[in-house]
């Protein structure tokens, strides 16, 4: 018995000693031998990836990047094998097309250059055992999927989709009016209502049916499909599994422990099957995939891949617009003069609510509202983190700096958008900087890339802006708004994972006396 106890203790001691030795070896290697050893950055970030993982899981990493840049320079080492760039030229060099790259492979045999662009970092985008979607596909497959989706985001398609989109904006105003005229004068969670609106719209576009949130929502924040979608793609647990490369065996366990995840995935597949069974042709983003796979799952696409791509379209399309609308509303309410100007613009341009349509709410009609949306995207970009790409085996020049091979590189939007070398008063909400004739000389518009750049930029950018203009114009026209939150509460005090962990944003609604609202009369 004593021998067994001694053996167990000896094994435990040996294991601990080996782990400590391995950790020390990695720290020494990362600091003194690693190809990135000459790049500056905080000691603990250069020494071990655990530091990056710790701050990422706390949702604090995006907030640390700009202070690091201010201390160490425009190129910093934020993890042993990862660099962050604060240079406008880096946007194109990292995310755009390049003519100086050939197809190459890493020492492990993995593709690290995908044609003429830097490949996406699989640790961030790939999930072992899960079919690839447009978010994580290879260059060739991504190009094919994008070609099929593009017609649904064209100007013609948006014009044809306009009546459908308008009906949800109309329903939003109707539901908000119910709250505004209720006897108890309760506040409305605008994050929730904007989310329901955008998810109903993009759900109708992607799946051929809305989620029904606007029709059934009761202002209590319940949104099971949305919460499940966020958990599957961008939840903190998913981020941890990706960064530690343990998705292959963790996800099957999670699917077993949490049946809701499997039910959500199956729900997406069921929605796609119903969408594909529709006899009518629809001018939406998914029609191209339906046409390509009407009779068989050709071109190496499975129904799971189509469902996954539809899920990404839903998530990207709805979340971006939701956060843009919510943040814009918050910034307007925190800046009364700006709110007054935006409201006056809408109410002077449109004679009645009937005049505000998907097509009339254009940038030329309400330029100041568009400027507010752009400034909101600058202060509160959709992606909270840098989206990493990998340099090829032989390295690459980025913003005039040679970066060794197999290095994760990214631009972090929050840092770019608040760099005082690129923006006048970067922490002030100044929509005027986006208006002709009032732009500050110091403002560098090329620094602002909320929808990224290059061949994998956001395919639904125009739809997001058009939808946001429509909804914001309707809300400003029909209601006088005021924050219901305590004065000392900072709504911007949030955690950021892949996207923001956005809290509720409650406002009091009052029907605008001067607004004509024929469309909403029963």
Protein backbone atom coordinates (compact mmCIF):
# COMPACT_ATOMS: atom_id res chain seq x y z
CA UNK A 1 0.00 0.00 0.00
CA UNK A 2 2.82 2.37 0.92
CA UNK A 3 4.55 1.57 -2.36
CA UNK A 4 1.37 2.41 -4.25
CA UNK A 5 0.97 5.74 -2.42
CA UNK A 6 4.60 6.58 -3.05
CA UNK A 7 4.21 5.71 -6.73
CA UNK A 8 1.12 7.87 -7.04
CA UNK A 9 2.80 10.77 -5.30
CA UNK A 10 5.92 10.33 -7.42
CA UNK A 11 3.85 10.28 -10.61
CA UNK A 12 2.00 13.43 -9.58
CA UNK A 13 5.23 15.19 -8.67
CA UNK A 14 6.87 14.16 -11.93
CA UNK A 15 3.87 15.33 -13.94
CA UNK A 16 3.87 18.71 -12.21
CA UNK A 17 7.61 19.05 -12.74
CA UNK A 18 7.24 18.26 -16.44
CA UNK A 19 4.41 20.77 -16.85
CA UNK A 20 6.37 23.49 -15.08
CA UNK A 21 9.46 22.69 -17.16
CA UNK A 22 7.44 22.79 -20.36
CA UNK A 23 5.90 26.13 -19.38
CA UNK A 24 9.31 27.61 -18.55
CA UNK A 25 10.72 26.32 -21.84
CA UNK A 26 7.87 27.96 -23.77
CA UNK A 27 8.35 31.27 -21.97
CA UNK A 28 12.09 31.26 -22.70
CA UNK A 29 11.49 30.27 -26.32
CA UNK A 30 8.81 32.94 -26.84
CA UNK A 31 10.96 35.70 -25.35
CA UNK A 32 14.41 34.79 -26.68
CA UNK A 33 14.09 32.51 -29.73
CA UNK A 34 10.67 32.99 -31.35
CA UNK A 35 10.71 34.68 -34.81
CA UNK A 36 8.59 37.51 -33.34
CA UNK A 37 10.95 38.14 -30.42
CA UNK A 38 11.97 41.54 -31.79
CA UNK A 39 8.43 42.92 -31.91
CA UNK A 40 7.49 45.06 -28.88
CA UNK A 41 4.63 44.39 -26.53
CA UNK A 42 3.82 43.74 -22.86
CA UNK A 43 6.11 41.12 -21.31
CA UNK A 44 3.36 38.72 -20.25
CA UNK A 45 1.71 38.89 -23.69
CA UNK A 46 5.01 38.09 -25.40
CA UNK A 47 5.84 35.32 -22.93
CA UNK A 48 2.69 33.20 -22.97
CA UNK A 49 -0.60 32.94 -24.85
CA UNK A 50 -2.35 32.44 -21.52
CA UNK A 51 -2.32 36.22 -21.00
CA UNK A 52 -4.14 36.83 -24.28
CA UNK A 53 -6.59 34.03 -23.48
CA UNK A 54 -7.25 35.44 -19.99
CA UNK A 55 -8.09 38.95 -21.18
CA UNK A 56 -10.12 37.61 -24.12
CA UNK A 57 -12.27 35.44 -21.89
CA UNK A 58 -12.88 38.44 -19.61
CA UNK A 59 -14.12 40.38 -22.63
CA UNK A 60 -11.46 43.04 -22.06
CA UNK A 61 -8.90 42.40 -24.80
CA UNK A 62 -10.20 44.99 -27.33
CA UNK A 63 -9.89 47.74 -24.72
CA UNK A 64 -6.23 46.95 -24.08
CA UNK A 65 -5.02 47.23 -27.68
CA UNK A 66 -4.95 51.03 -28.07
CA UNK A 67 -3.08 51.63 -24.77
CA UNK A 68 -0.55 49.02 -25.93
CA UNK A 69 -0.15 50.79 -29.26
CA UNK A 70 0.27 54.12 -27.51
CA UNK A 71 3.09 52.66 -25.42
CA UNK A 72 4.83 50.31 -27.87
CA UNK A 73 4.05 51.64 -31.34
CA UNK A 74 1.93 50.83 -34.43
CA UNK A 75 2.93 47.13 -34.53
CA UNK A 76 2.64 45.21 -31.26
CA UNK A 77 2.93 41.61 -30.17
CA UNK A 78 -0.22 40.75 -28.25
CA UNK A 79 0.48 37.00 -28.03
CA UNK A 80 3.58 34.90 -28.78
CA UNK A 81 2.46 34.32 -32.39
CA UNK A 82 0.09 37.24 -32.92
CA UNK A 83 0.55 40.88 -33.99
CA UNK A 84 -1.81 43.86 -34.00
CA UNK A 85 -1.44 46.75 -36.46
CA UNK A 86 -2.45 50.38 -36.02
CA UNK A 87 -1.84 51.61 -39.55
CA UNK A 88 -4.41 52.37 -42.24
CA UNK A 89 -2.24 50.61 -44.84
CA UNK A 90 -2.59 47.38 -42.86
CA UNK A 91 -6.28 47.10 -43.73
CA UNK A 92 -5.52 46.32 -47.37
CA UNK A 93 -2.32 44.37 -46.69
CA UNK A 94 -4.05 42.02 -44.24
CA UNK A 95 -7.58 41.71 -45.62
CA UNK A 96 -7.33 42.78 -49.26
CA UNK A 97 -6.21 41.03 -52.42
CA UNK A 98 -2.47 40.82 -52.98
CA UNK A 99 -0.40 40.11 -56.08
CA UNK A 100 2.78 39.21 -54.20
CA UNK A 101 1.54 35.91 -52.80
CA UNK A 102 1.42 32.41 -54.25
CA UNK A 103 -0.29 29.35 -52.86
CA UNK A 104 1.96 28.12 -50.09
CA UNK A 105 1.76 25.73 -47.16
CA UNK A 106 3.06 25.79 -43.64
CA UNK A 107 5.49 23.24 -42.25
CA UNK A 108 2.48 21.32 -40.97
CA UNK A 109 1.01 21.10 -44.45
CA UNK A 110 -1.81 23.54 -43.77
CA UNK A 111 -2.70 26.20 -46.33
CA UNK A 112 -1.71 29.58 -44.93
CA UNK A 113 -2.16 31.57 -48.11
CA UNK A 114 -5.46 31.14 -49.90
CA UNK A 115 -4.80 32.20 -53.46
CA UNK A 116 -4.10 35.92 -53.51
CA UNK A 117 -5.13 36.73 -49.94
CA UNK A 118 -3.96 35.89 -46.45
CA UNK A 119 -5.88 32.89 -45.16
CA UNK A 120 -8.14 33.12 -42.15
CA UNK A 121 -6.70 31.86 -38.87
CA UNK A 122 -8.40 28.46 -38.35
CA UNK A 123 -8.10 28.78 -34.58
CA UNK A 124 -10.54 31.68 -34.75
CA UNK A 125 -12.87 30.59 -37.57
CA UNK A 126 -12.86 26.80 -37.73
CA UNK A 127 -14.77 24.38 -35.51
CA UNK A 128 -13.66 20.75 -35.72
CA UNK A 129 -16.49 18.45 -36.71
CA UNK A 130 -18.71 21.29 -37.98
CA UNK A 131 -19.24 21.85 -41.70
CA UNK A 132 -17.64 25.02 -43.05
CA UNK A 133 -19.85 28.01 -43.84
CA UNK A 134 -19.18 31.18 -45.78
CA UNK A 135 -17.43 32.53 -42.69
CA UNK A 136 -14.73 29.86 -42.66
CA UNK A 137 -14.69 28.43 -46.18
CA UNK A 138 -11.60 28.26 -48.37
CA UNK A 139 -10.98 30.98 -50.94
CA UNK A 140 -12.52 29.03 -53.82
CA UNK A 141 -15.61 27.85 -51.95
CA UNK A 142 -16.11 31.26 -50.38
CA UNK A 143 -16.03 32.88 -53.82
CA UNK A 144 -18.63 30.40 -55.10
CA UNK A 145 -20.94 30.98 -52.12
CA UNK A 146 -20.54 34.74 -52.38
CA UNK A 147 -21.44 34.67 -56.09
CA UNK A 148 -24.66 32.86 -55.25
CA UNK A 149 -25.53 35.27 -52.43
CA UNK A 150 -24.65 38.53 -54.21
CA UNK A 151 -27.82 38.84 -56.36
CA UNK A 152 -29.89 38.89 -53.18
CA UNK A 153 -27.97 41.97 -51.97
CA UNK A 154 -28.11 43.89 -55.26
CA UNK A 155 -29.92 47.22 -55.66
CA UNK A 156 -32.60 45.50 -57.72
CA UNK A 157 -33.15 42.83 -55.09
CA UNK A 158 -33.39 45.41 -52.31
CA UNK A 159 -36.00 47.35 -54.27
CA UNK A 160 -38.01 44.16 -54.70
CA UNK A 161 -37.59 43.32 -51.01
CA UNK A 162 -38.58 46.84 -49.90
CA UNK A 163 -42.30 46.15 -49.14
CA UNK A 164 -41.41 43.17 -46.97
CA UNK A 165 -38.80 45.16 -45.03
CA UNK A 166 -41.16 48.10 -44.61
CA UNK A 167 -43.85 45.94 -43.07
CA UNK A 168 -41.54 45.02 -40.20
CA UNK A 169 -40.55 48.66 -39.64
CA UNK A 170 -44.26 49.49 -39.56
CA UNK A 171 -44.91 46.70 -37.07
CA UNK A 172 -42.04 47.94 -34.89
CA UNK A 173 -43.56 51.43 -34.69
CA UNK A 174 -46.97 49.95 -33.92
CA UNK A 175 -45.58 47.86 -31.04
CA UNK A 176 -43.57 50.80 -29.68
CA UNK A 177 -46.71 52.96 -29.81
CA UNK A 178 -48.47 50.37 -27.63
CA UNK A 179 -45.76 50.88 -25.03
CA UNK A 180 -45.82 54.68 -25.38
CA UNK A 181 -49.58 54.85 -24.85
CA UNK A 182 -49.80 52.21 -22.12
CA UNK A 183 -51.25 53.29 -18.78
CA UNK A 184 -48.19 52.32 -16.74
CA UNK A 185 -45.77 54.32 -18.95
CA UNK A 186 -43.17 51.57 -18.85
CA UNK A 187 -39.87 51.87 -20.66
CA UNK A 188 -38.88 49.94 -23.76
CA UNK A 189 -35.69 47.96 -24.19
CA UNK A 190 -34.61 49.27 -27.58
CA UNK A 191 -31.88 46.64 -27.94
CA UNK A 192 -34.58 44.00 -27.73
CA UNK A 193 -36.99 45.72 -30.12
CA UNK A 194 -34.32 46.53 -32.68
CA UNK A 195 -33.07 42.96 -32.44
CA UNK A 196 -36.53 41.54 -33.00
CA UNK A 197 -36.99 43.80 -36.01
CA UNK A 198 -33.70 42.99 -37.71
CA UNK A 199 -33.93 39.26 -37.01
CA UNK A 200 -37.49 39.13 -38.38
CA UNK A 201 -36.32 40.93 -41.53
CA UNK A 202 -33.20 38.87 -42.16
CA UNK A 203 -35.01 35.68 -41.12
CA UNK A 204 -37.58 36.35 -43.81
CA UNK A 205 -34.77 37.02 -46.30
CA UNK A 206 -32.67 33.97 -45.40
CA UNK A 207 -35.27 31.37 -44.43
CA UNK A 208 -38.39 32.63 -46.19
CA UNK A 209 -40.15 33.11 -42.85
CA UNK A 210 -39.78 35.56 -39.94
CA UNK A 211 -38.99 34.45 -36.42
CA UNK A 212 -42.18 36.14 -35.26
CA UNK A 213 -40.52 38.21 -32.56
CA UNK A 214 -42.24 41.50 -33.39
CA UNK A 215 -45.63 39.83 -33.56
CA UNK A 216 -45.33 38.02 -30.24
CA UNK A 217 -42.70 40.01 -28.30
CA UNK A 218 -43.85 41.28 -24.92
CA UNK A 219 -40.95 43.61 -24.07
CA UNK A 220 -39.38 41.14 -21.63
CA UNK A 221 -36.30 40.35 -23.73
CA UNK A 222 -37.07 36.71 -24.56
CA UNK A 223 -35.42 35.66 -27.81
CA UNK A 224 -34.51 31.96 -27.64
CA UNK A 225 -33.46 31.44 -31.27
CA UNK A 226 -31.28 34.55 -31.24
CA UNK A 227 -29.62 33.60 -27.96
CA UNK A 228 -28.98 30.08 -29.25
CA UNK A 229 -27.48 31.43 -32.47
CA UNK A 230 -25.12 33.71 -30.55
CA UNK A 231 -24.12 30.86 -28.26
CA UNK A 232 -23.32 28.55 -31.17
CA UNK A 233 -21.19 31.02 -33.11
CA UNK A 234 -19.76 33.69 -30.83
CA UNK A 235 -20.41 32.84 -27.18
CA UNK A 236 -17.50 33.05 -24.69
CA UNK A 237 -17.38 29.26 -24.35
CA UNK A 238 -17.07 28.88 -28.13
CA UNK A 239 -14.29 31.49 -28.21
CA UNK A 240 -12.40 29.63 -25.46
CA UNK A 241 -12.71 26.32 -27.28
CA UNK A 242 -11.48 27.87 -30.53
CA UNK A 243 -8.51 29.66 -29.02
CA UNK A 244 -7.42 26.53 -27.20
CA UNK A 245 -8.06 24.28 -30.24
CA UNK A 246 -10.28 21.87 -28.31
CA UNK A 247 -13.47 22.22 -30.35
CA UNK A 248 -13.07 18.74 -31.81
CA UNK A 249 -13.89 16.90 -28.61
CA UNK A 250 -15.63 19.62 -26.59
CA UNK A 251 -18.44 20.40 -29.04
CA UNK A 252 -19.81 16.83 -29.17
CA UNK A 253 -19.88 16.85 -25.37
CA UNK A 254 -21.63 20.22 -25.30
CA UNK A 255 -24.18 19.02 -27.84
CA UNK A 256 -24.87 16.06 -25.54
CA UNK A 257 -25.02 18.19 -22.36
CA UNK A 258 -27.04 21.00 -23.93
CA UNK A 259 -29.74 19.61 -26.23
CA UNK A 260 -30.75 23.19 -27.05
CA UNK A 261 -27.61 23.53 -29.20
CA UNK A 262 -28.55 20.47 -31.26
CA UNK A 263 -32.17 21.63 -31.40
CA UNK A 264 -31.04 25.02 -32.68
CA UNK A 265 -28.92 23.44 -35.43
CA UNK A 266 -31.77 21.16 -36.43
CA UNK A 267 -34.15 24.12 -36.39
CA UNK A 268 -31.94 25.90 -38.92
CA UNK A 269 -31.91 22.85 -41.17
CA UNK A 270 -35.70 22.54 -40.93
CA UNK A 271 -36.08 26.22 -41.87
CA UNK A 272 -33.84 25.75 -44.91
CA UNK A 273 -35.79 22.69 -46.01
CA UNK A 274 -39.04 24.67 -45.83
CA UNK A 275 -37.38 27.53 -47.70
CA UNK A 276 -36.23 25.20 -50.47
CA UNK A 277 -39.69 23.68 -50.72
CA UNK A 278 -41.24 27.04 -51.63
CA UNK A 279 -42.53 27.11 -55.19
CA UNK A 280 -42.08 30.85 -55.62
CA UNK A 281 -38.80 32.48 -56.54
CA UNK A 282 -37.76 35.11 -54.01
CA UNK A 283 -35.35 38.03 -54.56
CA UNK A 284 -33.41 37.15 -51.42
CA UNK A 285 -29.80 36.10 -50.69
CA UNK A 286 -30.60 32.39 -50.37
CA UNK A 287 -32.30 32.02 -53.77
CA UNK A 288 -28.93 31.54 -55.46
CA UNK A 289 -28.08 28.61 -53.19
CA UNK A 290 -31.56 27.17 -53.76
CA UNK A 291 -31.10 27.39 -57.53
CA UNK A 292 -27.69 25.76 -57.38
CA UNK A 293 -28.90 22.90 -55.22
CA UNK A 294 -32.51 22.52 -56.33
CA UNK A 295 -32.24 18.84 -57.17
CA UNK A 296 -29.08 17.67 -55.46
CA UNK A 297 -26.56 18.91 -52.94
CA UNK A 298 -23.96 19.59 -55.62
CA UNK A 299 -20.74 21.54 -55.59
CA UNK A 300 -19.65 19.83 -52.34
CA UNK A 301 -22.39 21.64 -50.40
CA UNK A 302 -24.45 19.78 -47.83
CA UNK A 303 -27.70 21.00 -46.39
CA UNK A 304 -25.78 21.57 -43.16
CA UNK A 305 -23.42 23.92 -45.00
CA UNK A 306 -26.32 25.80 -46.58
CA UNK A 307 -28.02 26.05 -43.21
CA UNK A 308 -24.76 27.21 -41.62
CA UNK A 309 -24.28 29.86 -44.30
CA UNK A 310 -27.87 31.03 -43.83
CA UNK A 311 -27.23 31.19 -40.09
CA UNK A 312 -24.16 33.36 -40.68
CA UNK A 313 -26.16 35.63 -43.01
CA UNK A 314 -28.81 35.95 -40.29
CA UNK A 315 -26.31 36.60 -37.52
CA UNK A 316 -24.14 39.07 -39.45
CA UNK A 317 -27.09 40.86 -41.02
CA UNK A 318 -29.16 41.21 -37.87
CA UNK A 319 -26.49 41.73 -35.21
CA UNK A 320 -24.65 44.46 -37.12
CA UNK A 321 -27.82 46.46 -37.77
CA UNK A 322 -29.14 45.89 -34.26
CA UNK A 323 -25.96 47.15 -32.61
CA UNK A 324 -25.76 50.10 -35.03
CA UNK A 325 -29.33 51.18 -34.23
CA UNK A 326 -29.02 50.66 -30.48
CA UNK A 327 -25.71 52.49 -30.19
CA UNK A 328 -26.93 55.34 -32.41
CA UNK A 329 -30.03 55.76 -30.24
CA UNK A 330 -27.87 55.81 -27.12
CA UNK A 331 -25.39 58.35 -28.50
CA UNK A 332 -28.23 60.59 -29.69
CA UNK A 333 -29.91 60.53 -26.29
CA UNK A 334 -26.61 61.33 -24.58
CA UNK A 335 -26.12 64.30 -26.93
CA UNK A 336 -29.34 66.40 -26.91
CA UNK A 337 -28.21 68.88 -29.55
CA UNK A 338 -27.37 66.05 -31.94
CA UNK A 339 -30.70 64.36 -31.21
CA UNK A 340 -32.55 67.60 -31.89
CA UNK A 341 -30.79 68.08 -35.22
CA UNK A 342 -31.41 64.49 -36.39
CA UNK A 343 -35.05 64.62 -35.33
CA UNK A 344 -35.60 67.99 -37.02
CA UNK A 345 -34.07 66.66 -40.23
CA UNK A 346 -36.41 63.65 -40.36
CA UNK A 347 -39.55 65.61 -39.49
CA UNK A 348 -38.78 68.34 -42.00
CA UNK A 349 -37.96 66.00 -44.88
CA UNK A 350 -40.98 63.69 -44.49
CA UNK A 351 -44.49 65.12 -44.38
CA UNK A 352 -45.96 61.96 -42.89
CA UNK A 353 -44.97 58.46 -41.79
CA UNK A 354 -46.24 57.17 -45.12
CA UNK A 355 -43.47 59.08 -46.86
CA UNK A 356 -40.75 57.14 -45.00
CA UNK A 357 -40.05 54.06 -47.07
CA UNK A 358 -37.10 51.77 -47.66
CA UNK A 359 -36.35 53.67 -50.87
CA UNK A 360 -37.07 57.25 -49.73
CA UNK A 361 -34.97 57.03 -46.56
CA UNK A 362 -31.85 57.54 -48.65
CA UNK A 363 -28.58 59.12 -47.66
CA UNK A 364 -29.32 62.19 -49.80
CA UNK A 365 -32.61 62.88 -48.02
CA UNK A 366 -31.36 62.43 -44.44
CA UNK A 367 -27.58 62.94 -44.58
CA UNK A 368 -27.31 63.88 -40.92
CA UNK A 369 -28.99 60.64 -39.81
CA UNK A 370 -26.54 58.74 -42.00
CA UNK A 371 -23.68 60.70 -40.42
CA UNK A 372 -24.98 59.66 -36.98
CA UNK A 373 -24.99 56.01 -38.05
CA UNK A 374 -21.42 56.30 -39.35
CA UNK A 375 -20.21 58.01 -36.20
CA UNK A 376 -21.91 55.32 -34.14
CA UNK A 377 -20.05 52.65 -36.11
CA UNK A 378 -16.82 54.48 -35.37
CA UNK A 379 -17.45 54.72 -31.64
CA UNK A 380 -19.03 51.27 -31.37
CA UNK A 381 -17.78 49.02 -34.21
CA UNK A 382 -19.67 45.75 -34.83
CA UNK A 383 -16.67 43.46 -34.24
CA UNK A 384 -15.17 43.79 -30.80
CA UNK A 385 -12.00 41.89 -31.67
CA UNK A 386 -9.38 41.86 -34.39
CA UNK A 387 -10.20 39.32 -37.09
CA UNK A 388 -6.95 37.37 -37.55
CA UNK A 389 -5.33 36.25 -40.80
CA UNK A 390 -2.18 34.14 -41.17
CA UNK A 391 0.97 35.14 -43.01
CA UNK A 392 2.45 32.58 -45.45
CA UNK A 393 5.38 30.34 -44.57
CA UNK A 394 7.89 32.76 -46.08
CA UNK A 395 6.35 35.78 -44.39
CA UNK A 396 4.76 38.94 -45.85
CA UNK A 397 5.18 42.71 -45.87
CA UNK A 398 2.40 44.44 -43.94
CA UNK A 399 2.27 48.23 -43.68
CA UNK A 400 5.95 48.34 -44.60
CA UNK A 401 6.96 45.83 -41.93
CA UNK A 402 8.18 42.29 -42.68
CA UNK A 403 6.21 39.74 -40.66
CA UNK A 404 7.58 36.18 -40.32
CA UNK A 405 5.54 33.21 -41.53
CA UNK A 406 2.61 31.59 -39.73
CA UNK A 407 1.90 34.74 -37.74
CA UNK A 408 -1.65 35.80 -36.88
CA UNK A 409 -2.13 39.44 -37.86
CA UNK A 410 -5.12 41.77 -37.45
CA UNK A 411 -6.35 45.33 -37.25
CA UNK A 412 -8.46 46.03 -34.17
CA UNK A 413 -11.35 48.36 -35.00
CA UNK A 414 -11.77 49.83 -31.53
CA UNK A 415 -8.13 50.94 -31.53
CA UNK A 416 -8.24 52.24 -35.11
CA UNK A 417 -11.42 54.19 -34.46
CA UNK A 418 -10.15 55.92 -31.31
CA UNK A 419 -6.57 56.68 -32.30
CA UNK A 420 -6.05 60.41 -31.77
CA UNK A 421 -3.62 60.47 -34.71
CA UNK A 422 -6.49 59.49 -37.02
CA UNK A 423 -9.43 61.31 -35.44
CA UNK A 424 -10.19 64.73 -33.99
CA UNK A 425 -11.61 64.25 -30.48
CA UNK A 426 -11.89 60.47 -30.95
CA UNK A 427 -14.01 59.88 -27.84
CA UNK A 428 -16.55 62.57 -28.74
CA UNK A 429 -19.70 61.78 -30.73
CA UNK A 430 -19.41 64.15 -33.69
CA UNK A 431 -21.54 63.12 -36.69
CA UNK A 432 -20.51 66.35 -38.41
CA UNK A 433 -17.14 64.79 -39.23
CA UNK A 434 -18.96 62.74 -41.91
CA UNK A 435 -20.65 65.71 -43.58
CA UNK A 436 -19.14 67.52 -46.53
CA UNK A 437 -17.92 70.96 -45.60
CA UNK A 438 -17.55 70.20 -41.88
CA UNK A 439 -15.03 67.36 -41.90
CA UNK A 440 -12.00 67.79 -39.67
CA UNK A 441 -8.65 67.79 -41.46
CA UNK A 442 -7.29 65.36 -38.88
CA UNK A 443 -9.97 62.72 -39.49
CA UNK A 444 -8.72 59.80 -41.59
CA UNK A 445 -11.81 58.21 -43.09
CA UNK A 446 -9.79 55.29 -44.49
CA UNK A 447 -9.16 54.18 -40.91
CA UNK A 448 -12.86 53.39 -40.47
CA UNK A 449 -13.64 49.95 -41.88
CA UNK A 450 -16.60 48.59 -39.85
CA UNK A 451 -17.47 46.10 -42.60
CA UNK A 452 -13.82 45.17 -43.28
CA UNK A 453 -12.20 45.35 -46.73
CA UNK A 454 -11.21 43.00 -49.53
CA UNK A 455 -12.90 39.95 -51.04
CA UNK A 456 -14.34 38.83 -47.69
CA UNK A 457 -15.82 42.13 -46.59
CA UNK A 458 -19.42 42.24 -45.40
CA UNK A 459 -21.68 41.34 -48.30
CA UNK A 460 -24.72 43.00 -46.72
CA UNK A 461 -23.25 46.46 -46.04
CA UNK A 462 -25.72 48.34 -48.27
CA UNK A 463 -28.69 46.44 -46.89
CA UNK A 464 -27.59 47.16 -43.31
CA UNK A 465 -27.33 50.90 -43.94
CA UNK A 466 -30.62 51.09 -45.84
CA UNK A 467 -32.43 49.11 -43.15
CA UNK A 468 -30.88 51.23 -40.37
CA UNK A 469 -31.85 54.50 -42.10
CA UNK A 470 -35.44 53.31 -42.50
CA UNK A 471 -35.85 52.17 -38.90
CA UNK A 472 -34.05 55.16 -37.37
CA UNK A 473 -36.09 57.61 -39.46
CA UNK A 474 -39.34 55.93 -38.40
CA UNK A 475 -38.40 55.99 -34.72
CA UNK A 476 -37.25 59.63 -34.75
CA UNK A 477 -40.30 60.72 -36.72
CA UNK A 478 -42.86 59.02 -34.51
CA UNK A 479 -41.42 59.34 -31.00
CA UNK A 480 -39.72 61.67 -28.59
CA UNK A 481 -37.20 59.57 -26.69
CA UNK A 482 -35.44 59.85 -23.33
CA UNK A 483 -33.11 57.48 -21.51
CA UNK A 484 -34.67 55.48 -18.69
CA UNK A 485 -31.26 54.45 -17.34
CA UNK A 486 -29.70 56.06 -14.24
CA UNK A 487 -27.50 59.05 -15.02
CA UNK A 488 -24.43 57.37 -13.54
CA UNK A 489 -24.79 54.24 -15.67
CA UNK A 490 -22.54 54.04 -18.71
CA UNK A 491 -24.19 51.81 -21.31
CA UNK A 492 -20.83 51.58 -23.12
CA UNK A 493 -19.30 49.76 -20.15
CA UNK A 494 -19.52 46.38 -21.85
CA UNK A 495 -17.55 43.23 -22.48
CA UNK A 496 -16.44 42.41 -26.01
CA UNK A 497 -15.90 38.86 -27.24
CA UNK A 498 -16.27 38.27 -30.98
CA UNK A 499 -19.10 40.79 -30.82
CA UNK A 500 -20.28 42.96 -27.95
CA UNK A 501 -22.06 41.50 -24.94
CA UNK A 502 -24.62 44.27 -25.26
CA UNK A 503 -26.85 45.06 -22.27
CA UNK A 504 -30.41 46.32 -22.42
CA UNK A 505 -30.86 49.96 -23.39
CA UNK A 506 -34.13 51.20 -21.95
CA UNK A 507 -35.86 54.39 -23.06
CA UNK A 508 -39.11 56.19 -22.38
CA UNK A 509 -41.24 56.71 -25.48
CA UNK A 510 -43.62 59.60 -26.07
CA UNK A 511 -45.69 60.02 -29.19
CA UNK A 512 -44.45 62.97 -31.20
CA UNK A 513 -47.22 65.59 -31.38
CA UNK A 514 -46.06 67.03 -34.68
CA UNK A 515 -45.72 63.71 -36.49
CA UNK A 516 -48.50 62.62 -38.83
CA UNK A 517 -48.95 58.88 -38.56
CA UNK A 518 -51.62 57.83 -41.03
CA UNK A 519 -49.94 54.51 -41.72
CA UNK A 520 -50.42 53.36 -38.15
CA UNK A 521 -54.05 54.27 -37.68
CA UNK A 522 -56.30 51.28 -37.25
